[in-house]
Amino acid sequence: MTVPTVRRRHGVTRWVAAGALIVTVLGASGCSAFDQLQADPEAAPTTTAAPTTTTAPAPEPVASTPTDPAPSPTPDADPSAVQAVPAGATPLDLSARHANLTTLRVTSVALAPDAITLGVVITNGGQNDVELNPSDDLVLVDPAGNRYAVSPPPSNPKVMVRKGTSLRGSLVFVGQLAAGATSLTLITCDDFGSTDSQFTTTPKFTIDGIQVRP
């Protein structure tokens, strides 16, 4: 996984969310062969010059011991379940699924004097690339209506998620949280996003109940 980098500009810390291709490989069931050792067949009688015949004794049968079956490979763990919580952040487990098969999960929140940082995992299981910040409309909103705009990664300003991949990292929203605010709502594609189209490339998510203060 690519580690998010930190950029400082004009006194504002900017975290760059890094994209990572998550591949889950399902292995075939394992199996093992059992080698069976058989006793040699009884040797043919041999005749000597003496008036009697002797028969060579058959060797003792050797017991066969099966080998232990090889363990079956197991699928990789769900990538979204291993998102680490940054130091000083409050862990969260909030998620929403869109009709276009994109999933957005909020895993943590952290407050700074001039910014709010969310840990996120965005998985695009659909057939098209999607954008969550197409027109600078990925925002946090507090109960009083104050809005906090995202400071997107310079390498991915529209927060694009390619089809069949996941992005995991941090999204930084600029501004000091209002004094009386205790919770936040995350909204993607706020201007023109679709809430229910299975073909949209700009899915609108609304995840509320992000607790930031007791």
Protein backbone atom coordinates (compact mmCIF):
# COMPACT_ATOMS: atom_id res chain seq x y z
CA MET A 1 0.00 0.00 0.00
CA THR A 2 1.30 3.44 -0.89
CA VAL A 3 1.80 5.53 2.19
CA PRO A 4 0.04 8.92 2.15
CA THR A 5 2.52 11.81 2.01
CA VAL A 6 2.34 15.10 3.86
CA ARG A 7 2.56 18.43 2.10
CA ARG A 8 2.63 21.80 3.83
CA ARG A 9 1.51 24.89 2.02
CA HIS A 10 0.73 28.24 3.64
CA GLY A 11 0.61 26.65 7.07
CA VAL A 12 -2.00 24.02 6.10
CA THR A 13 -1.11 20.39 6.33
CA ARG A 14 -2.23 18.45 3.29
CA TRP A 15 -2.42 14.67 3.30
CA VAL A 16 -2.23 12.97 -0.05
CA ALA A 17 -4.47 9.94 -0.32
CA ALA A 18 -2.72 7.19 -2.19
CA GLY A 19 -4.36 4.76 -4.58
CA ALA A 20 -3.79 1.04 -4.26
CA LEU A 21 -4.96 -1.81 -6.44
CA ILE A 22 -6.46 -4.45 -4.21
CA VAL A 23 -6.50 -7.94 -5.65
CA THR A 24 -8.14 -10.84 -3.86
CA VAL A 25 -7.00 -14.21 -5.11
CA LEU A 26 -9.05 -17.27 -4.36
CA GLY A 27 -6.83 -20.34 -4.28
CA ALA A 28 -7.93 -23.82 -5.37
CA SER A 29 -8.52 -26.39 -2.66
CA GLY A 30 -5.36 -28.20 -1.68
CA CYS A 31 -5.00 -31.96 -1.91
CA SER A 32 -2.30 -34.51 -1.12
CA ALA A 33 -1.28 -37.82 -2.62
CA PHE A 34 -1.08 -40.95 -0.52
CA ASP A 35 1.89 -43.14 -1.48
CA GLN A 36 1.11 -46.80 -0.84
CA LEU A 37 3.98 -49.22 -0.39
CA GLN A 38 3.19 -52.81 -1.29
CA ALA A 39 5.00 -55.92 -0.15
CA ASP A 40 7.14 -57.61 -2.76
CA PRO A 41 5.53 -60.77 -4.25
CA GLU A 42 6.65 -64.07 -2.87
CA ALA A 43 9.87 -65.22 -4.48
CA ALA A 44 9.82 -68.36 -6.67
CA PRO A 45 11.16 -71.57 -5.04
CA THR A 46 14.80 -72.36 -5.72
CA THR A 47 16.16 -75.87 -6.00
CA THR A 48 19.56 -77.00 -4.72
CA ALA A 49 21.44 -80.25 -5.19
CA ALA A 50 20.05 -81.49 -1.89
CA PRO A 51 16.91 -83.67 -2.05
CA THR A 52 14.90 -80.97 -0.36
CA THR A 53 13.71 -77.60 -1.67
CA THR A 54 13.75 -74.33 0.15
CA THR A 55 11.51 -71.28 -0.28
CA ALA A 56 12.83 -67.80 0.33
CA PRO A 57 10.73 -66.08 3.00
CA ALA A 58 8.58 -63.21 1.83
CA PRO A 59 9.65 -59.82 3.18
CA GLU A 60 7.57 -58.24 5.91
CA PRO A 61 4.88 -55.91 4.56
CA VAL A 62 5.73 -52.25 5.07
CA ALA A 63 2.82 -50.22 6.42
CA SER A 64 1.90 -47.26 4.30
CA THR A 65 1.72 -43.89 6.03
CA PRO A 66 -0.38 -41.19 4.36
CA THR A 67 1.08 -37.73 4.31
CA ASP A 68 -0.82 -34.90 5.96
CA PRO A 69 -3.15 -33.11 3.54
CA ALA A 70 -1.83 -29.78 2.36
CA PRO A 71 -3.77 -26.84 3.81
CA SER A 72 -6.20 -25.21 1.43
CA PRO A 73 -5.37 -21.63 0.48
CA THR A 74 -7.77 -19.14 1.99
CA PRO A 75 -8.99 -15.93 0.36
CA ASP A 76 -7.23 -12.73 1.28
CA ALA A 77 -8.83 -10.67 4.01
CA ASP A 78 -11.25 -7.94 3.01
CA PRO A 79 -8.96 -4.96 2.19
CA SER A 80 -11.31 -2.55 3.80
CA ALA A 81 -11.01 -4.37 7.11
CA VAL A 82 -7.30 -3.64 7.53
CA GLN A 83 -7.31 0.14 7.27
CA ALA A 84 -5.02 1.43 10.02
CA VAL A 85 -6.20 4.25 12.28
CA PRO A 86 -3.67 7.12 12.43
CA ALA A 87 -2.28 8.11 15.80
CA GLY A 88 -4.52 10.62 17.56
CA ALA A 89 -7.54 9.84 15.38
CA THR A 90 -10.89 8.49 16.57
CA PRO A 91 -11.80 5.16 14.92
CA LEU A 92 -15.09 5.00 13.03
CA ASP A 93 -16.97 2.39 11.04
CA LEU A 94 -19.45 4.21 8.80
CA SER A 95 -20.18 3.16 5.25
CA ALA A 96 -22.56 3.55 2.33
CA ARG A 97 -23.02 1.64 -0.93
CA HIS A 98 -24.15 3.26 -4.17
CA ALA A 99 -26.26 1.71 -6.91
CA ASN A 100 -23.26 1.88 -9.28
CA LEU A 101 -21.40 -0.57 -6.99
CA THR A 102 -19.11 2.02 -5.40
CA THR A 103 -18.63 1.75 -1.64
CA LEU A 104 -17.43 4.56 0.62
CA ARG A 105 -16.24 3.79 4.13
CA VAL A 106 -15.14 6.29 6.81
CA THR A 107 -12.67 4.68 9.19
CA SER A 108 -11.44 7.56 11.38
CA VAL A 109 -11.65 11.28 12.12
CA ALA A 110 -9.05 13.65 13.54
CA LEU A 111 -9.21 17.35 14.38
CA ALA A 112 -6.44 19.92 14.00
CA PRO A 113 -6.52 23.68 14.63
CA ASP A 114 -6.98 24.36 10.92
CA ALA A 115 -8.19 21.10 9.39
CA ILE A 116 -10.35 18.00 9.74
CA THR A 117 -8.96 14.67 8.50
CA LEU A 118 -11.01 11.63 7.58
CA GLY A 119 -9.61 8.16 7.01
CA VAL A 120 -11.44 6.60 4.09
CA VAL A 121 -11.61 3.48 1.93
CA ILE A 122 -13.31 3.88 -1.45
CA THR A 123 -13.94 0.74 -3.51
CA ASN A 124 -15.18 0.85 -7.09
CA GLY A 125 -16.77 -2.46 -8.01
CA GLY A 126 -18.55 -1.09 -11.07
CA GLN A 127 -17.69 -0.99 -14.77
CA ASN A 128 -16.71 2.69 -14.99
CA ASP A 129 -14.19 4.98 -13.34
CA VAL A 130 -15.84 7.32 -10.82
CA GLU A 131 -15.05 10.77 -9.42
CA LEU A 132 -16.03 11.97 -5.95
CA ASN A 133 -14.85 15.57 -6.33
CA PRO A 134 -15.64 16.45 -9.97
CA SER A 135 -16.37 20.16 -9.37
CA ASP A 136 -14.75 20.84 -5.99
CA ASP A 137 -17.92 19.58 -4.33
CA LEU A 138 -16.59 16.99 -1.87
CA VAL A 139 -17.38 18.60 1.47
CA LEU A 140 -18.05 18.20 5.16
CA VAL A 141 -21.05 20.00 6.64
CA ASP A 142 -21.73 20.59 10.34
CA PRO A 143 -25.22 20.88 11.91
CA ALA A 144 -25.11 24.69 11.64
CA GLY A 145 -24.57 24.49 7.89
CA ASN A 146 -20.88 25.42 7.91
CA ARG A 147 -19.05 23.78 5.02
CA TYR A 148 -15.47 22.52 4.97
CA ALA A 149 -14.01 21.96 1.49
CA VAL A 150 -11.64 19.11 0.75
CA SER A 151 -8.00 19.82 -0.04
CA PRO A 152 -7.56 17.05 -2.64
CA PRO A 153 -4.30 15.29 -3.48
CA PRO A 154 -2.49 17.26 -6.23
CA SER A 155 -2.04 14.03 -8.19
CA ASN A 156 -5.76 13.23 -8.03
CA PRO A 157 -7.74 16.46 -7.64
CA LYS A 158 -11.07 14.93 -8.64
CA VAL A 159 -10.56 11.96 -6.31
CA MET A 160 -10.97 9.50 -9.15
CA VAL A 161 -11.28 5.79 -8.38
CA ARG A 162 -10.56 3.48 -11.29
CA LYS A 163 -12.93 0.60 -11.91
CA GLY A 164 -11.99 -2.54 -10.04
CA THR A 165 -9.71 -0.72 -7.59
CA SER A 166 -9.76 0.76 -4.11
CA LEU A 167 -8.36 4.02 -2.76
CA ARG A 168 -7.39 4.13 0.88
CA GLY A 169 -5.83 6.96 2.83
CA SER A 170 -6.81 10.35 4.27
CA LEU A 171 -8.91 13.24 3.04
CA VAL A 172 -8.13 16.63 4.54
CA PHE A 173 -10.84 19.30 4.82
CA VAL A 174 -9.68 22.86 5.37
CA GLY A 175 -10.94 24.98 8.24
CA GLN A 176 -11.31 24.97 11.99
CA LEU A 177 -14.34 23.08 13.24
CA ALA A 178 -17.00 25.44 14.58
CA ALA A 179 -17.06 25.68 18.36
CA GLY A 180 -20.51 24.18 18.86
CA ALA A 181 -20.27 21.38 16.29
CA THR A 182 -20.30 17.83 17.62
CA SER A 183 -20.88 15.90 14.39
CA LEU A 184 -20.33 16.17 10.65
CA THR A 185 -21.85 14.94 7.40
CA LEU A 186 -19.69 13.87 4.46
CA ILE A 187 -21.11 14.62 1.00
CA THR A 188 -19.54 13.67 -2.33
CA CYS A 189 -20.44 15.15 -5.74
CA ASP A 190 -22.68 17.63 -3.97
CA ASP A 191 -23.44 19.79 -7.04
CA PHE A 192 -24.43 17.34 -9.77
CA GLY A 193 -23.98 13.83 -8.41
CA SER A 194 -26.55 11.07 -8.77
CA THR A 195 -27.91 9.29 -5.73
CA ASP A 196 -29.38 6.24 -7.46
CA SER A 197 -28.15 5.79 -11.05
CA GLN A 198 -26.29 2.54 -11.58
CA PHE A 199 -24.48 4.06 -14.59
CA THR A 200 -23.31 7.34 -13.04
CA THR A 201 -19.64 8.21 -12.85
CA THR A 202 -20.29 10.85 -10.16
CA PRO A 203 -22.01 9.03 -7.29
CA LYS A 204 -23.46 11.22 -4.55
CA PHE A 205 -22.84 9.83 -1.08
CA THR A 206 -24.18 11.33 2.12
CA ILE A 207 -22.71 9.86 5.31
CA ASP A 208 -23.87 11.56 8.46
CA GLY A 209 -23.29 10.85 12.13
CA ILE A 210 -19.52 11.45 12.04
CA GLN A 211 -19.00 12.18 15.73
CA VAL A 212 -16.15 14.60 16.39
CA ARG A 213 -16.92 15.67 19.95
CA PRO A 214 -18.82 14.17 22.91
